[in-house]
């Protein structure tokens, strides 16, 4: 179960500029990992990076 909130439109159509799965796997490794304390992540980082 994800702790991420539901996105406003889960059925949105992908844009040509959206990250491919292969691109996301590369970038995901470069993002800081959770340290196990503090406020939990509440956003989908892939959706943020997909923002044009």
N, C-alpha and C. Protein backbone atom coordinates (compact mmCIF):
# COMPACT_ATOMS: atom_id res chain seq x y z
N UNK A 1 0.83 -1.19 0.00
CA UNK A 1 0.00 0.00 0.00
C UNK A 1 0.87 1.24 0.00
N UNK A 2 0.59 2.13 -0.91
CA UNK A 2 1.36 3.36 -1.03
C UNK A 2 0.83 4.42 -0.07
N UNK A 3 1.74 5.19 0.49
CA UNK A 3 1.34 6.30 1.35
C UNK A 3 1.16 7.57 0.53
N UNK A 4 1.37 7.47 -0.78
CA UNK A 4 1.23 8.64 -1.63
C UNK A 4 -0.24 8.95 -1.83
N UNK A 5 -0.57 10.23 -1.91
CA UNK A 5 -1.97 10.60 -2.14
C UNK A 5 -2.37 10.24 -3.56
N UNK A 6 -3.66 10.05 -3.75
CA UNK A 6 -4.17 9.79 -5.08
C UNK A 6 -3.97 11.04 -5.93
N UNK A 7 -3.52 10.85 -7.15
CA UNK A 7 -3.37 12.03 -8.00
C UNK A 7 -4.74 12.49 -8.45
N UNK A 8 -4.81 13.75 -8.80
CA UNK A 8 -6.10 14.35 -9.12
C UNK A 8 -6.78 13.65 -10.29
N UNK A 9 -6.02 13.28 -11.28
CA UNK A 9 -6.58 12.61 -12.45
C UNK A 9 -5.75 11.37 -12.75
N UNK A 10 -6.04 10.24 -12.12
CA UNK A 10 -5.20 9.05 -12.32
C UNK A 10 -5.27 8.50 -13.74
N UNK A 11 -6.22 8.92 -14.53
CA UNK A 11 -6.37 8.43 -15.90
C UNK A 11 -5.78 9.39 -16.92
N UNK A 12 -4.90 10.30 -16.49
CA UNK A 12 -4.37 11.30 -17.41
C UNK A 12 -3.61 10.62 -18.54
N UNK A 13 -3.67 11.23 -19.69
CA UNK A 13 -2.97 10.71 -20.86
C UNK A 13 -1.49 11.12 -20.77
N UNK A 14 -0.60 10.24 -21.13
CA UNK A 14 0.82 10.60 -21.08
C UNK A 14 1.18 11.63 -22.14
N UNK A 15 2.13 12.48 -21.81
CA UNK A 15 2.66 13.46 -22.74
C UNK A 15 3.89 12.87 -23.42
N UNK A 16 4.22 13.33 -24.62
CA UNK A 16 5.44 12.83 -25.27
C UNK A 16 6.71 13.12 -24.46
N UNK A 17 6.66 14.15 -23.62
CA UNK A 17 7.83 14.52 -22.82
C UNK A 17 7.95 13.73 -21.52
N UNK A 18 6.97 12.89 -21.19
CA UNK A 18 7.03 12.08 -19.96
C UNK A 18 8.24 11.15 -20.01
N UNK A 19 8.77 10.85 -18.84
CA UNK A 19 9.90 9.94 -18.75
C UNK A 19 9.48 8.53 -19.14
N UNK A 20 10.34 7.86 -19.88
CA UNK A 20 10.10 6.45 -20.17
C UNK A 20 10.45 5.66 -18.91
N UNK A 21 10.06 4.40 -18.87
CA UNK A 21 10.39 3.56 -17.72
C UNK A 21 11.90 3.42 -17.56
N UNK A 22 12.61 3.29 -18.67
CA UNK A 22 14.07 3.16 -18.62
C UNK A 22 14.71 4.45 -18.08
N UNK A 23 14.23 5.60 -18.53
CA UNK A 23 14.76 6.88 -18.04
C UNK A 23 14.47 7.04 -16.55
N UNK A 24 13.26 6.66 -16.13
CA UNK A 24 12.89 6.79 -14.72
C UNK A 24 13.79 5.91 -13.85
N UNK A 25 14.09 4.70 -14.28
CA UNK A 25 14.95 3.81 -13.49
C UNK A 25 16.33 4.42 -13.28
N UNK A 26 16.85 5.11 -14.28
CA UNK A 26 18.16 5.75 -14.14
C UNK A 26 18.08 6.93 -13.17
N UNK A 27 17.08 7.80 -13.36
CA UNK A 27 16.96 8.98 -12.52
C UNK A 27 16.60 8.64 -11.08
N UNK A 28 15.77 7.62 -10.89
CA UNK A 28 15.34 7.22 -9.54
C UNK A 28 16.54 6.90 -8.65
N UNK A 29 17.58 6.32 -9.23
CA UNK A 29 18.79 5.98 -8.46
C UNK A 29 19.54 7.22 -7.99
N UNK A 30 19.35 8.35 -8.67
CA UNK A 30 20.07 9.58 -8.34
C UNK A 30 19.35 10.42 -7.28
N UNK A 31 18.09 10.10 -7.00
CA UNK A 31 17.32 10.87 -6.02
C UNK A 31 17.70 10.45 -4.61
N UNK A 32 17.65 11.39 -3.65
CA UNK A 32 17.99 11.03 -2.27
C UNK A 32 17.02 9.98 -1.72
N UNK A 33 17.58 9.05 -0.97
CA UNK A 33 16.78 8.00 -0.34
C UNK A 33 16.21 8.51 0.99
N UNK A 34 15.10 7.94 1.40
CA UNK A 34 14.51 8.26 2.69
C UNK A 34 15.45 7.81 3.80
N UNK A 35 15.56 8.63 4.84
CA UNK A 35 16.44 8.30 5.96
C UNK A 35 15.71 7.56 7.07
N UNK A 36 14.41 7.33 6.88
CA UNK A 36 13.66 6.55 7.86
C UNK A 36 13.08 7.38 8.99
N UNK A 37 13.28 8.67 8.97
CA UNK A 37 12.69 9.52 10.00
C UNK A 37 12.26 10.83 9.33
N UNK A 38 11.53 11.63 10.05
CA UNK A 38 11.04 12.88 9.48
C UNK A 38 9.72 12.68 8.77
N UNK A 39 9.31 13.70 8.05
CA UNK A 39 8.03 13.68 7.36
C UNK A 39 8.10 12.73 6.16
N UNK A 40 7.13 11.83 6.00
CA UNK A 40 7.17 10.91 4.85
C UNK A 40 6.93 11.64 3.53
N UNK A 41 7.45 11.09 2.47
CA UNK A 41 7.27 11.66 1.14
C UNK A 41 5.80 11.52 0.76
N UNK A 42 5.19 12.61 0.32
CA UNK A 42 3.77 12.59 -0.02
C UNK A 42 3.50 12.92 -1.48
N UNK A 43 4.55 12.95 -2.26
CA UNK A 43 4.39 13.28 -3.68
C UNK A 43 5.02 12.18 -4.53
N UNK A 44 4.58 12.09 -5.75
CA UNK A 44 5.15 11.14 -6.70
C UNK A 44 6.26 11.87 -7.44
N UNK A 45 7.51 11.53 -7.14
CA UNK A 45 8.64 12.25 -7.72
C UNK A 45 8.70 12.09 -9.24
N UNK A 46 8.22 10.97 -9.74
CA UNK A 46 8.20 10.79 -11.20
C UNK A 46 7.26 11.80 -11.85
N UNK A 47 6.11 12.05 -11.22
CA UNK A 47 5.18 13.03 -11.77
C UNK A 47 5.77 14.44 -11.72
N UNK A 48 6.55 14.73 -10.70
CA UNK A 48 7.19 16.04 -10.63
C UNK A 48 8.20 16.18 -11.76
N UNK A 49 8.98 15.15 -12.01
CA UNK A 49 9.97 15.20 -13.09
C UNK A 49 9.31 15.19 -14.46
N UNK A 50 8.09 14.67 -14.57
CA UNK A 50 7.37 14.68 -15.83
C UNK A 50 6.82 16.06 -16.17
N UNK A 51 6.81 16.95 -15.23
CA UNK A 51 6.23 18.27 -15.45
C UNK A 51 6.97 18.98 -16.57
N UNK A 52 6.25 19.45 -17.58
CA UNK A 52 6.92 20.12 -18.70
C UNK A 52 7.48 21.47 -18.32
